[in-house]
Amino acid sequence: METESQQGHSIGDRENPLRKEKRRKLHELKELGVDPFPHNYARTHSVASIIEAHSQIGAGEQVEGDISVAGRLMTKRDMGKAAFFNIQDQSGKIQGYVKITELPEEDQKAFKLLDIGDHVGFTGFVFKTRKGELSVHAKTFKILCKTLEPLPEKYHGLTDVELKYRYRHMDLIMNPDSRKVFEARSKIIREVRRFLDDRGFLEVETPILQPIYGGAAAYPFSTHHRALDMKLFLKISPELYLKRLIVGGFEKVYDLGRNFRNEGIDRTHNPEFTMLEWYEAYTDYEYQMKQFEDLISTVAEKVTGSMTVEYQGHSIDFRPPWRRLSVYDGIREYAGFDVSDRDEKSLFAKLKELGSDLEKPASHGEMVMEVFERTVEEHLIQPTFVIDFPIEVSPLTKKHRDKPGLVERFEPMVAKMELGNAYTELNDPEDQLARLQEQEAQRVVDEEAQPMDDDFVHAIDTGMPPTGGVGLGIERLIMLLTNQPSIRDIIFFPTMKHK
């Protein structure tokens, strides 16, 4: 049987030359008695705190007192008896300088066996070089983690998009802009929560594993619970549970968490994504339009410093009020014809002219929405509330108080993207039951139709007050506020085909 050391060398024999050399150094460190993986390191400063405290000192000056700093080694320039190097921690980069002979004997051994990418820690004093670069003169030097995988070449970084998403850790090491995007993502989510919390909302959690999925038109992921011997579905929306809480007496609730939809992957879709939904008793979609634009404009200003942001060549102005555009008016304006008085046969013929792959006529409302998607959405760059949808495509929405055949619903559109969805919620128990029964009947031909949920019907029968409900796709908001073209650029670990 091979020893651990023999196994390591046999693995090394099969590796590329760079990995093989790094593994050789790892074993040499161990043979020299240097621990390449210590348990901790007592650093006193981050890179950013050093820069903030000492950036004003003059060229050639030094600061009394020692500090300890740690990070990943990104460059190393040996000059015989001395060396300059750069380390990077989460807060930034700083230069280090070392005279090899000043180091303790064990530290000298470690320094000579260092590679770019290794984690290191060192203690010394802060100074500025004659050229004015803030640096740390190292008196002690510890290797904290010896790496085996080489980093990408520093001038090109991780340029392969597939590798960037698959090996996100490499992308974050080599690309400071990627780190900034994800730091902005965290701040955006924090500001969204703060906005709702400040308005008296209660954050709640709804089940991810659900016996009946609902709240959206989507195909679910399914699993099997062994103990209960029952099929369960991953949440496609928290809507039906949040409405139960409104029935139960909570008047302002929101859920900010992951949803899962078994659908395609493209620039704006990932099967696993972050959704915010909130529900507020005694309000309607008009009230929620105002609250929605207030939320987005406030978060934009908090995160970027302005309510106007640049997104993929467009200057997007989030300042309220946003434009309101009905579905039917949008078609009249951008498609140049009226669909309100067309029958199903005429509408189907028009859709075929527009390139639809429908094989037979659908409901009037469904075909109206496909006309809208094909002719109007591409024109909606500035923030726009698309309002007043056909009743056929909105099974959980209250009928419009003034316009027969329509419902009180809005979808905010920005940069040709749907940013969310919102309703004056349906709370008439007989109307709700009838529409869910219609959806259940459609499941014979449309597997994404809303399934019947008797427990939800029971809640609506118990009485839900007038309510406004809103859903917001967090990833799409983050795309807009960080100027990223793809949802994969703002999800740490996007869903990818197994390598």
Protein backbone atom coordinates (compact mmCIF):
# COMPACT_ATOMS: atom_id res chain seq x y z
CA MET A 1 0.00 0.00 0.00
CA GLU A 2 1.27 3.50 -0.89
CA THR A 3 2.05 5.95 1.86
CA GLU A 4 0.34 9.36 1.86
CA SER A 5 3.56 10.93 0.57
CA GLN A 6 3.86 8.34 -2.21
CA GLN A 7 0.23 8.92 -3.18
CA GLY A 8 0.92 12.66 -3.38
CA HIS A 9 3.91 12.16 -5.67
CA SER A 10 1.99 9.75 -7.90
CA ILE A 11 -0.75 12.37 -8.25
CA GLY A 12 1.91 14.97 -9.02
CA ASP A 13 3.31 12.80 -11.79
CA ARG A 14 -0.02 13.08 -13.62
CA GLU A 15 -0.34 16.87 -13.22
CA ASN A 16 0.66 19.73 -15.47
CA PRO A 17 4.13 21.18 -14.79
CA LEU A 18 2.89 24.19 -12.81
CA ARG A 19 0.80 22.13 -10.40
CA LYS A 20 3.57 19.55 -10.14
CA GLU A 21 6.08 22.23 -9.12
CA LYS A 22 3.69 23.74 -6.57
CA ARG A 23 3.10 20.30 -5.06
CA ARG A 24 6.87 19.74 -4.87
CA LYS A 25 7.23 22.97 -2.86
CA LEU A 26 4.41 21.92 -0.57
CA HIS A 27 6.17 18.68 0.27
CA GLU A 28 9.50 20.46 0.68
CA LEU A 29 7.93 22.84 3.22
CA LYS A 30 6.65 19.90 5.22
CA GLU A 31 10.04 18.21 5.08
CA LEU A 32 11.66 21.41 6.37
CA GLY A 33 9.27 21.42 9.32
CA VAL A 34 7.31 24.46 8.13
CA ASP A 35 3.54 24.11 8.63
CA PRO A 36 1.98 25.22 5.31
CA PHE A 37 -1.53 25.22 6.80
CA PRO A 38 -1.49 26.86 10.28
CA HIS A 39 -4.75 27.09 12.18
CA ASN A 40 -4.97 30.88 12.45
CA TYR A 41 -3.15 34.18 12.12
CA ALA A 42 -3.52 37.18 14.41
CA ARG A 43 -3.70 40.08 11.99
CA THR A 44 -4.20 43.57 13.38
CA HIS A 45 -5.14 45.48 10.22
CA SER A 46 -6.93 45.04 6.91
CA VAL A 47 -5.34 46.51 3.81
CA ALA A 48 -8.01 49.21 3.65
CA SER A 49 -7.43 50.27 7.25
CA ILE A 50 -3.69 50.64 6.60
CA ILE A 51 -4.33 52.77 3.52
CA GLU A 52 -6.91 54.90 5.33
CA ALA A 53 -4.65 55.52 8.34
CA HIS A 54 -1.35 56.15 6.58
CA SER A 55 -1.92 57.23 2.97
CA GLN A 56 -0.96 60.83 3.81
CA ILE A 57 2.60 60.15 4.97
CA GLY A 58 5.34 61.52 2.74
CA ALA A 59 7.62 59.63 0.34
CA GLY A 60 10.48 58.02 2.23
CA GLU A 61 8.73 58.32 5.62
CA GLN A 62 7.95 55.40 7.93
CA VAL A 63 5.43 54.89 10.74
CA GLU A 64 6.52 53.83 14.22
CA GLY A 65 5.03 50.59 15.52
CA ASP A 66 4.35 47.23 13.93
CA ILE A 67 1.17 45.97 12.30
CA SER A 68 0.19 42.51 11.10
CA VAL A 69 -1.60 41.98 7.81
CA ALA A 70 -2.63 38.92 5.78
CA GLY A 71 -3.87 38.12 2.32
CA ARG A 72 -3.23 36.32 -0.96
CA LEU A 73 0.12 36.83 -2.68
CA MET A 74 -0.59 38.38 -6.09
CA THR A 75 2.89 39.43 -7.27
CA LYS A 76 6.47 38.72 -6.20
CA ARG A 77 9.64 40.43 -7.50
CA ASP A 78 12.80 38.83 -6.18
CA MET A 79 15.94 40.98 -6.16
CA GLY A 80 18.38 38.55 -4.60
CA LYS A 81 18.61 39.55 -0.95
CA ALA A 82 15.34 41.51 -1.01
CA ALA A 83 11.94 41.34 -2.63
CA PHE A 84 8.83 43.39 -3.32
CA PHE A 85 5.46 41.69 -3.35
CA ASN A 86 1.76 42.53 -3.35
CA ILE A 87 -0.93 40.94 -1.23
CA GLN A 88 -4.70 41.19 -1.62
CA ASP A 89 -7.38 40.84 1.03
CA GLN A 90 -11.10 41.53 0.68
CA SER A 91 -10.58 45.25 1.22
CA GLY A 92 -7.81 45.86 -1.32
CA LYS A 93 -4.15 45.44 -2.27
CA ILE A 94 -0.93 46.69 -0.70
CA GLN A 95 2.78 46.33 -1.41
CA GLY A 96 5.15 44.52 0.93
CA TYR A 97 8.91 44.69 1.10
CA VAL A 98 11.27 42.23 2.70
CA LYS A 99 15.02 41.87 3.26
CA ILE A 100 15.43 38.12 3.30
CA THR A 101 18.27 38.11 5.83
CA GLU A 102 16.17 40.10 8.34
CA LEU A 103 13.64 37.29 8.60
CA PRO A 104 13.83 34.45 11.14
CA GLU A 105 15.36 31.30 9.65
CA GLU A 106 12.03 29.44 9.30
CA ASP A 107 10.45 32.47 7.60
CA GLN A 108 13.32 32.60 5.12
CA LYS A 109 12.65 28.99 4.14
CA ALA A 110 8.97 29.69 3.69
CA PHE A 111 9.55 32.83 1.63
CA LYS A 112 11.82 31.04 -0.84
CA LEU A 113 9.13 28.41 -1.48
CA LEU A 114 6.28 30.88 -2.03
CA ASP A 115 4.16 30.94 -5.18
CA ILE A 116 1.74 33.49 -6.53
CA GLY A 117 -1.67 32.67 -5.07
CA ASP A 118 -0.46 31.47 -1.66
CA HIS A 119 -1.97 33.01 1.46
CA VAL A 120 0.59 34.78 3.65
CA GLY A 121 0.76 36.88 6.78
CA PHE A 122 3.51 39.22 7.91
CA THR A 123 4.35 41.73 10.62
CA GLY A 124 6.28 44.94 10.13
CA PHE A 125 6.12 48.71 9.89
CA VAL A 126 4.37 50.95 7.36
CA PHE A 127 6.43 53.22 5.10
CA LYS A 128 6.27 54.95 1.74
CA THR A 129 8.82 54.23 -0.96
CA ARG A 130 10.74 57.06 -2.58
CA LYS A 131 8.29 56.76 -5.50
CA GLY A 132 5.42 57.35 -3.07
CA GLU A 133 3.90 53.84 -2.84
CA LEU A 134 2.50 52.90 0.58
CA SER A 135 4.13 49.64 1.70
CA VAL A 136 4.78 47.39 4.69
CA HIS A 137 8.35 46.42 5.56
CA ALA A 138 8.08 42.78 6.74
CA LYS A 139 10.08 41.65 9.78
CA THR A 140 8.36 38.26 10.08
CA PHE A 141 6.69 36.26 7.32
CA LYS A 142 4.34 33.28 7.63
CA ILE A 143 2.82 31.09 4.97
CA LEU A 144 -0.86 30.57 5.85
CA CYS A 145 -2.03 28.34 3.00
CA LYS A 146 0.11 26.71 0.30
CA THR A 147 -1.90 26.49 -2.92
CA LEU A 148 -1.78 23.86 -5.67
CA GLU A 149 -3.86 25.47 -8.40
CA PRO A 150 -2.05 28.23 -10.37
CA LEU A 151 -3.85 31.54 -10.82
CA PRO A 152 -4.63 32.80 -14.34
CA GLU A 153 -2.00 35.02 -15.95
CA LYS A 154 -2.41 38.40 -14.25
CA TYR A 155 -2.67 40.59 -17.36
CA HIS A 156 -5.53 38.60 -18.87
CA GLY A 157 -7.23 37.17 -15.81
CA LEU A 158 -10.14 34.79 -16.25
CA THR A 159 -11.39 35.75 -19.70
CA ASP A 160 -13.33 32.59 -20.58
CA VAL A 161 -16.94 33.34 -19.59
CA GLU A 162 -17.75 29.67 -19.01
CA LEU A 163 -14.81 29.34 -16.59
CA LYS A 164 -15.72 32.65 -14.94
CA TYR A 165 -19.12 31.29 -13.90
CA ARG A 166 -17.96 27.75 -13.14
CA TYR A 167 -14.91 28.80 -11.11
CA ARG A 168 -16.32 31.88 -9.44
CA HIS A 169 -13.57 31.75 -6.81
CA MET A 170 -10.98 32.38 -9.55
CA ASP A 171 -13.06 35.22 -10.99
CA LEU A 172 -13.27 36.89 -7.57
CA ILE A 173 -9.53 36.56 -6.99
CA MET A 174 -8.53 38.01 -10.36
CA ASN A 175 -11.30 40.52 -11.06
CA PRO A 176 -11.83 43.38 -8.59
CA ASP A 177 -14.88 44.54 -10.59
CA SER A 178 -16.61 41.22 -9.95
CA ARG A 179 -16.06 41.60 -6.23
CA LYS A 180 -17.51 45.12 -6.37
CA VAL A 181 -20.62 43.82 -8.15
CA PHE A 182 -21.27 41.26 -5.43
CA GLU A 183 -20.58 43.77 -2.67
CA ALA A 184 -23.16 46.02 -4.37
CA ARG A 185 -25.57 43.07 -4.51
CA SER A 186 -25.37 42.69 -0.74
CA LYS A 187 -25.90 46.42 -0.23
CA ILE A 188 -28.92 46.48 -2.58
CA ILE A 189 -30.61 43.66 -0.67
CA ARG A 190 -29.82 45.37 2.63
CA GLU A 191 -31.34 48.65 1.43
CA VAL A 192 -34.45 46.88 0.12
CA ARG A 193 -34.99 45.33 3.53
CA ARG A 194 -34.36 48.64 5.27
CA PHE A 195 -36.96 50.40 3.09
CA LEU A 196 -39.68 47.87 3.95
CA ASP A 197 -38.70 47.55 7.60
CA ASP A 198 -38.84 51.33 7.99
CA ARG A 199 -42.41 51.26 6.63
CA GLY A 200 -43.54 48.78 9.25
CA PHE A 201 -43.34 45.54 7.25
CA LEU A 202 -42.64 42.22 8.97
CA GLU A 203 -40.18 39.89 7.24
CA VAL A 204 -41.44 36.30 7.27
CA GLU A 205 -40.42 32.94 5.85
CA THR A 206 -42.62 30.69 3.74
CA PRO A 207 -42.09 26.99 2.97
CA ILE A 208 -39.61 26.06 0.27
CA LEU A 209 -40.98 22.50 0.18
CA GLN A 210 -44.67 22.73 -0.67
CA PRO A 211 -47.31 20.03 -1.24
CA ILE A 212 -48.99 22.24 -3.87
CA TYR A 213 -47.03 24.85 -5.79
CA GLY A 214 -48.69 28.08 -6.84
CA GLY A 215 -48.58 31.86 -7.12
CA ALA A 216 -47.05 31.93 -10.62
CA ALA A 217 -47.27 30.31 -14.04
CA ALA A 218 -44.19 28.09 -13.96
CA TYR A 219 -43.15 24.46 -14.06
CA PRO A 220 -41.82 23.34 -10.66
CA PHE A 221 -38.99 21.16 -9.44
CA SER A 222 -40.32 18.14 -7.57
CA THR A 223 -38.93 15.77 -4.96
CA HIS A 224 -40.15 12.92 -2.75
CA HIS A 225 -40.40 12.99 1.02
CA ARG A 226 -39.61 9.47 2.20
CA ALA A 227 -41.02 9.63 5.73
CA LEU A 228 -44.39 11.00 4.59
CA ASP A 229 -44.28 9.12 1.28
CA MET A 230 -45.50 12.17 -0.62
CA LYS A 231 -44.47 14.32 -3.54
CA LEU A 232 -43.31 17.84 -2.75
CA PHE A 233 -42.44 20.83 -4.91
CA LEU A 234 -39.82 23.53 -4.54
CA LYS A 235 -41.37 26.97 -4.10
CA ILE A 236 -42.09 28.87 -7.32
CA SER A 237 -43.61 31.77 -5.36
CA PRO A 238 -44.45 32.60 -1.72
CA GLU A 239 -47.72 34.31 -2.72
CA LEU A 240 -50.34 31.89 -1.47
CA TYR A 241 -48.67 31.58 1.93
CA LEU A 242 -48.22 35.32 2.36
CA LYS A 243 -51.92 35.85 1.64
CA ARG A 244 -52.73 33.34 4.40
CA LEU A 245 -50.78 35.62 6.76
CA ILE A 246 -52.84 38.65 5.65
CA VAL A 247 -55.96 36.57 6.38
CA GLY A 248 -54.45 35.74 9.77
CA GLY A 249 -54.17 39.40 10.72
CA PHE A 250 -50.65 40.46 9.73
CA GLU A 251 -51.21 43.59 7.65
CA LYS A 252 -47.73 44.17 6.16
CA VAL A 253 -45.55 41.15 5.36
CA TYR A 254 -42.71 40.35 2.97
CA ASP A 255 -40.62 37.34 2.00
CA LEU A 256 -37.18 37.86 0.47
CA GLY A 257 -35.70 34.52 -0.52
CA ARG A 258 -35.02 31.92 -3.17
CA ASN A 259 -37.59 30.69 -5.68
CA PHE A 260 -37.12 27.73 -8.00
CA ARG A 261 -38.63 27.37 -11.47
CA ASN A 262 -37.86 24.48 -13.78
CA GLU A 263 -37.47 26.63 -16.87
CA GLY A 264 -34.92 27.69 -19.45
CA ILE A 265 -31.70 29.59 -18.82
CA ASP A 266 -30.99 32.84 -20.63
CA ARG A 267 -29.77 36.39 -20.05
CA THR A 268 -32.50 37.19 -17.52
CA HIS A 269 -33.49 33.73 -16.22
CA ASN A 270 -31.84 31.28 -13.84
CA PRO A 271 -33.75 28.29 -12.39
CA GLU A 272 -32.86 29.43 -8.86
CA PHE A 273 -33.32 33.13 -8.15
CA THR A 274 -34.08 35.66 -5.41
CA MET A 275 -37.60 37.05 -5.24
CA LEU A 276 -39.09 39.70 -3.00
CA GLU A 277 -42.85 39.63 -2.46
CA TRP A 278 -44.77 41.91 -0.15
CA TYR A 279 -48.46 42.21 0.73
CA GLU A 280 -50.17 45.12 2.41
CA ALA A 281 -53.74 45.12 3.66
CA TYR A 282 -56.18 47.90 2.72
CA THR A 283 -54.17 48.98 -0.35
CA ASP A 284 -54.55 48.47 -4.11
CA TYR A 285 -52.32 48.45 -7.19
CA GLU A 286 -52.39 52.23 -7.50
CA TYR A 287 -50.96 52.58 -4.00
CA GLN A 288 -48.38 49.90 -4.68
CA MET A 289 -47.22 51.55 -7.92
CA LYS A 290 -46.27 54.59 -5.88
CA GLN A 291 -44.57 52.45 -3.24
CA PHE A 292 -42.71 50.45 -5.89
CA GLU A 293 -41.23 53.50 -7.61
CA ASP A 294 -40.33 54.94 -4.20
CA LEU A 295 -38.52 51.72 -3.28
CA ILE A 296 -36.51 51.46 -6.50
CA SER A 297 -35.58 55.15 -6.67
CA THR A 298 -34.57 55.14 -2.99
CA VAL A 299 -32.42 52.03 -3.29
CA ALA A 300 -30.80 53.35 -6.49
CA GLU A 301 -29.83 56.56 -4.74
CA LYS A 302 -28.57 54.79 -1.60
CA VAL A 303 -26.42 52.36 -3.60
CA THR A 304 -25.20 54.46 -6.55
CA GLY A 305 -25.59 58.00 -5.22
CA SER A 306 -28.14 58.91 -7.90
CA MET A 307 -31.62 58.04 -9.12
CA THR A 308 -30.23 57.97 -12.67
CA VAL A 309 -27.98 55.03 -13.60
CA GLU A 310 -26.19 53.87 -16.74
CA TYR A 311 -27.29 50.49 -18.05
CA GLN A 312 -25.88 48.97 -21.23
CA GLY A 313 -25.67 52.25 -23.11
CA HIS A 314 -28.89 53.76 -21.73
CA SER A 315 -29.30 56.40 -19.04
CA ILE A 316 -32.12 55.03 -16.87
CA ASP A 317 -34.00 57.64 -14.82
CA PHE A 318 -35.72 56.10 -11.80
CA ARG A 319 -37.08 59.38 -10.44
CA PRO A 320 -40.83 59.16 -9.70
CA PRO A 321 -43.37 59.33 -11.14
CA TRP A 322 -42.90 56.57 -13.71
CA ARG A 323 -44.89 56.34 -16.90
CA ARG A 324 -48.17 54.36 -16.82
CA LEU A 325 -49.06 52.45 -20.01
CA SER A 326 -51.98 50.04 -20.39
CA VAL A 327 -51.47 46.80 -22.32
CA TYR A 328 -53.97 47.80 -25.00
CA ASP A 329 -52.69 51.38 -25.33
CA GLY A 330 -49.16 50.03 -25.68
CA ILE A 331 -50.18 47.85 -28.61
CA ARG A 332 -52.00 50.75 -30.25
CA GLU A 333 -48.95 53.01 -29.81
CA TYR A 334 -46.15 50.68 -30.84
CA ALA A 335 -47.81 48.01 -33.02
CA GLY A 336 -50.13 50.46 -34.79
CA PHE A 337 -53.34 48.47 -34.50
CA ASP A 338 -56.14 47.79 -31.98
CA VAL A 339 -56.60 44.32 -30.49
CA SER A 340 -59.53 45.13 -28.21
CA ASP A 341 -62.19 44.40 -30.84
CA ARG A 342 -60.47 41.52 -32.68
CA ASP A 343 -61.89 38.03 -32.32
CA GLU A 344 -59.69 35.00 -31.62
CA LYS A 345 -59.39 34.02 -35.31
CA SER A 346 -58.28 37.51 -36.39
CA LEU A 347 -55.89 37.83 -33.46
CA PHE A 348 -54.37 34.43 -34.19
CA ALA A 349 -53.79 35.40 -37.83
CA LYS A 350 -52.06 38.60 -36.71
CA LEU A 351 -49.84 36.67 -34.35
CA LYS A 352 -48.78 34.31 -37.13
CA GLU A 353 -47.80 37.37 -39.18
CA LEU A 354 -45.64 38.43 -36.24
CA GLY A 355 -43.86 35.06 -36.19
CA SER A 356 -45.71 33.31 -33.38
CA ASP A 357 -45.20 29.55 -33.05
CA LEU A 358 -48.76 29.04 -31.73
CA GLU A 359 -50.33 26.08 -33.53
CA LYS A 360 -53.91 27.07 -32.75
CA PRO A 361 -55.72 30.02 -31.18
CA ALA A 362 -55.31 30.45 -27.41
CA SER A 363 -57.57 32.58 -25.23
CA HIS A 364 -58.05 36.18 -26.31
CA GLY A 365 -56.07 37.49 -23.33
CA GLU A 366 -53.15 35.12 -23.87
CA MET A 367 -52.84 36.16 -27.50
CA VAL A 368 -53.08 39.86 -26.59
CA MET A 369 -50.15 39.40 -24.23
CA GLU A 370 -48.09 37.66 -26.91
CA VAL A 371 -48.77 40.57 -29.29
CA PHE A 372 -47.62 42.93 -26.52
CA GLU A 373 -44.44 40.96 -25.91
CA ARG A 374 -43.61 40.87 -29.62
CA THR A 375 -44.36 44.50 -30.46
CA VAL A 376 -44.12 46.67 -27.34
CA GLU A 377 -41.58 45.41 -24.79
CA GLU A 378 -38.54 46.20 -26.93
CA HIS A 379 -39.48 49.91 -26.78
CA LEU A 380 -39.77 50.13 -22.98
CA ILE A 381 -36.37 51.42 -21.89
CA GLN A 382 -37.27 54.00 -19.24
CA PRO A 383 -39.17 52.79 -16.14
CA THR A 384 -42.77 52.10 -17.16
CA PHE A 385 -45.70 50.55 -15.34
CA VAL A 386 -47.54 48.32 -17.80
CA ILE A 387 -51.07 48.20 -16.36
CA ASP A 388 -54.53 46.67 -16.81
CA PHE A 389 -54.02 43.12 -18.08
CA PRO A 390 -56.55 40.72 -19.62
CA ILE A 391 -58.36 38.66 -17.00
CA GLU A 392 -57.42 35.33 -18.66
CA VAL A 393 -53.73 35.70 -17.74
CA SER A 394 -54.28 36.84 -14.14
CA PRO A 395 -56.05 34.15 -12.07
CA LEU A 396 -55.19 35.70 -8.68
CA THR A 397 -55.99 39.33 -9.53
CA LYS A 398 -59.06 41.43 -8.74
CA LYS A 399 -61.23 42.50 -11.68
CA HIS A 400 -60.77 46.09 -12.79
CA ARG A 401 -63.26 48.37 -11.09
CA ASP A 402 -63.99 50.29 -14.31
CA LYS A 403 -62.85 48.18 -17.30
CA PRO A 404 -64.68 44.90 -18.03
CA GLY A 405 -62.45 41.99 -19.05
CA LEU A 406 -59.38 43.48 -17.39
CA VAL A 407 -57.75 43.18 -13.98
CA GLU A 408 -55.91 45.63 -11.75
CA ARG A 409 -52.36 44.47 -12.35
CA PHE A 410 -49.08 46.14 -13.20
CA GLU A 411 -45.69 44.96 -14.39
CA PRO A 412 -42.80 47.43 -14.07
CA MET A 413 -40.65 47.35 -17.22
CA VAL A 414 -37.13 48.80 -17.36
CA ALA A 415 -34.54 48.38 -20.15
CA LYS A 416 -36.88 45.92 -21.93
CA MET A 417 -36.97 43.73 -18.80
CA GLU A 418 -39.91 42.86 -16.60
CA LEU A 419 -38.79 43.90 -13.13
CA GLY A 420 -41.77 42.61 -11.17
CA ASN A 421 -45.49 41.91 -11.04
CA ALA A 422 -48.24 43.30 -8.82
CA TYR A 423 -51.99 43.11 -8.25
CA THR A 424 -54.94 44.46 -6.46
CA GLU A 425 -55.40 41.01 -4.92
CA LEU A 426 -58.48 38.92 -5.56
CA ASN A 427 -60.38 38.39 -2.31
CA ASP A 428 -63.87 37.43 -3.54
CA PRO A 429 -64.00 33.73 -2.50
CA GLU A 430 -66.49 32.67 -5.19
CA ASP A 431 -64.60 34.46 -7.97
CA GLN A 432 -61.31 33.02 -6.70
CA LEU A 433 -62.67 29.48 -6.62
CA ALA A 434 -64.09 29.79 -10.13
CA ARG A 435 -60.80 31.06 -11.56
CA LEU A 436 -58.77 28.35 -9.85
CA GLN A 437 -61.18 25.77 -11.24
CA GLU A 438 -60.62 27.25 -14.71
CA GLN A 439 -56.86 27.02 -14.18
CA GLU A 440 -57.12 23.44 -12.98
CA ALA A 441 -59.07 22.54 -16.12
CA GLN A 442 -56.36 24.12 -18.30
CA ARG A 443 -53.70 21.86 -16.80
CA VAL A 444 -54.70 19.19 -19.30
CA VAL A 445 -53.05 21.29 -22.03
CA ASP A 446 -50.91 23.71 -20.00
CA GLU A 447 -48.78 22.18 -17.25
CA GLU A 448 -47.80 25.65 -15.99
CA ALA A 449 -51.40 26.56 -15.13
CA GLN A 450 -52.20 27.18 -11.45
CA PRO A 451 -53.20 23.95 -9.63
CA MET A 452 -56.16 23.90 -7.28
CA ASP A 453 -55.16 24.61 -3.66
CA ASP A 454 -58.05 23.83 -1.31
CA ASP A 455 -56.20 25.15 1.76
CA PHE A 456 -55.67 28.50 0.04
CA VAL A 457 -59.36 28.60 -0.93
CA HIS A 458 -60.20 27.93 2.73
CA ALA A 459 -58.09 30.95 3.71
CA ILE A 460 -59.83 33.21 1.19
CA ASP A 461 -63.19 31.90 2.40
CA THR A 462 -62.13 32.98 5.91
CA GLY A 463 -61.80 36.55 4.61
CA MET A 464 -58.85 38.53 3.27
CA PRO A 465 -59.16 42.32 3.49
CA PRO A 466 -58.53 44.48 0.39
CA THR A 467 -54.83 43.92 -0.31
CA GLY A 468 -52.12 45.09 -2.66
CA GLY A 469 -49.39 42.56 -3.46
CA VAL A 470 -46.07 43.04 -5.26
CA GLY A 471 -43.30 40.77 -6.54
CA LEU A 472 -39.84 42.10 -7.42
CA GLY A 473 -37.08 40.12 -9.15
CA ILE A 474 -34.03 40.99 -7.07
CA GLU A 475 -31.50 39.79 -9.66
CA ARG A 476 -32.92 42.04 -12.35
CA LEU A 477 -32.78 45.04 -10.03
CA ILE A 478 -29.16 44.19 -9.28
CA MET A 479 -28.39 43.89 -13.00
CA LEU A 480 -29.77 47.39 -13.53
CA LEU A 481 -27.95 49.01 -10.60
CA THR A 482 -24.58 47.36 -11.37
CA ASN A 483 -24.77 47.64 -15.19
CA GLN A 484 -24.40 43.90 -15.75
CA PRO A 485 -25.76 42.40 -19.00
CA SER A 486 -26.53 38.90 -17.70
CA ILE A 487 -28.11 37.42 -14.60
CA ARG A 488 -25.11 35.08 -14.40
CA ASP A 489 -22.89 38.07 -13.67
CA ILE A 490 -24.71 38.85 -10.43
CA ILE A 491 -25.36 35.32 -9.09
CA PHE A 492 -22.33 33.86 -7.33
CA PHE A 493 -23.01 30.34 -8.54
CA PRO A 494 -25.39 30.28 -11.53
CA THR A 495 -26.91 26.96 -12.58
CA MET A 496 -24.69 25.28 -15.16
CA LYS A 497 -24.63 22.00 -17.01
CA HIS A 498 -22.49 19.42 -15.24
CA LYS A 499 -18.96 19.48 -16.60
